[in-house]
Amino acid sequence: MKDVNLFDRVSWKALKEAKGLTYRQISEQLGLFQGSVEKWFTGEKRPSILNAIALARVLGIPLEKVLEDIDDPDVRTLLRLSL
């Protein structure tokens, strides 16, 4: 998990496959359209920071790893409080 980045689509795909998850399962867990999730994985779109964090939870990326990619300490604090 050391090399996983919050916006790293390659890692997302590897984790998705390792967990045996489909786009439909991920989208259902996030409460989003399947097409939106697929576009994140293909690189057509990037998820918002909150959706990326929710995706990280579904894929099992630890919160510490997610926050490691955010430089602004105020944003890190707000995100910790909201999660």
Protein backbone atom coordinates (compact mmCIF):
# COMPACT_ATOMS: atom_id res chain seq x y z
CA MET A 1 0.00 0.00 0.00
CA LYS A 2 3.05 2.22 0.32
CA ASP A 3 3.02 3.36 -3.33
CA VAL A 4 -0.73 4.06 -3.61
CA ASN A 5 -1.62 7.65 -4.43
CA LEU A 6 -5.08 9.12 -3.89
CA PHE A 7 -5.45 9.85 -7.61
CA ASP A 8 -3.50 6.87 -8.96
CA ARG A 9 -5.81 5.05 -11.38
CA VAL A 10 -3.36 2.16 -11.82
CA SER A 11 -3.47 1.43 -8.10
CA TRP A 12 -7.26 1.77 -8.06
CA LYS A 13 -7.57 -0.81 -10.83
CA ALA A 14 -5.21 -3.22 -9.09
CA LEU A 15 -7.09 -2.89 -5.79
CA LYS A 16 -10.47 -3.19 -7.53
CA GLU A 17 -9.38 -6.40 -9.22
CA ALA A 18 -7.73 -7.79 -6.09
CA LYS A 19 -10.95 -7.27 -4.15
CA GLY A 20 -13.06 -8.67 -7.00
CA LEU A 21 -15.18 -5.53 -7.18
CA THR A 22 -17.14 -4.42 -10.22
CA TYR A 23 -17.82 -0.84 -11.23
CA ARG A 24 -21.45 -1.45 -10.32
CA GLN A 25 -20.56 -2.58 -6.78
CA ILE A 26 -18.29 0.42 -6.26
CA SER A 27 -20.88 2.86 -7.60
CA GLU A 28 -23.58 1.35 -5.38
CA GLN A 29 -21.38 1.68 -2.31
CA LEU A 30 -20.68 5.32 -3.22
CA GLY A 31 -24.27 6.11 -4.20
CA LEU A 32 -23.16 7.33 -7.64
CA PHE A 33 -23.83 6.42 -11.25
CA GLN A 34 -21.73 3.56 -12.59
CA GLY A 35 -20.67 5.67 -15.58
CA SER A 36 -19.13 8.28 -13.29
CA VAL A 37 -17.03 5.68 -11.50
CA GLU A 38 -15.91 4.12 -14.79
CA LYS A 39 -14.74 7.54 -16.03
CA TRP A 40 -12.50 7.88 -12.96
CA PHE A 41 -10.84 4.56 -13.72
CA THR A 42 -10.35 5.37 -17.42
CA GLY A 43 -9.05 8.86 -16.73
CA GLU A 44 -11.87 10.69 -18.51
CA LYS A 45 -12.69 12.49 -15.27
CA ARG A 46 -11.22 12.91 -11.80
CA PRO A 47 -13.34 12.45 -8.71
CA SER A 48 -13.79 15.32 -6.29
CA ILE A 49 -11.59 15.08 -3.23
CA LEU A 50 -14.53 13.80 -1.16
CA ASN A 51 -15.41 11.17 -3.77
CA ALA A 52 -11.75 10.16 -4.00
CA ILE A 53 -11.68 9.67 -0.24
CA ALA A 54 -14.90 7.66 -0.39
CA LEU A 55 -13.39 5.56 -3.18
CA ALA A 56 -10.28 5.04 -1.08
CA ARG A 57 -12.46 3.68 1.70
CA VAL A 58 -14.18 1.25 -0.67
CA LEU A 59 -10.83 0.08 -2.03
CA GLY A 60 -9.29 -0.21 1.43
CA ILE A 61 -6.72 2.58 1.12
CA PRO A 62 -5.97 3.77 4.68
CA LEU A 63 -6.99 7.33 5.59
CA GLU A 64 -3.38 8.12 6.51
CA LYS A 65 -2.34 7.30 2.95
CA VAL A 66 -5.13 9.47 1.55
CA LEU A 67 -4.17 12.45 3.69
CA GLU A 68 -0.49 12.00 2.87
CA ASP A 69 -1.19 13.35 -0.63
CA ILE A 70 -2.75 16.59 0.68
CA ASP A 71 -0.25 19.30 1.53
CA ASP A 72 -2.48 21.97 3.08
CA PRO A 73 -2.65 21.30 6.86
CA ASP A 74 -6.00 23.09 7.18
CA VAL A 75 -7.54 20.89 4.50
CA ARG A 76 -6.06 17.81 6.17
CA THR A 77 -7.60 18.83 9.50
CA LEU A 78 -11.02 19.51 7.95
CA LEU A 79 -10.98 16.19 6.14
CA ARG A 80 -10.01 14.32 9.31
CA LEU A 81 -12.89 15.98 11.15
CA SER A 82 -15.39 15.20 8.38
CA LEU A 83 -14.43 11.54 8.19
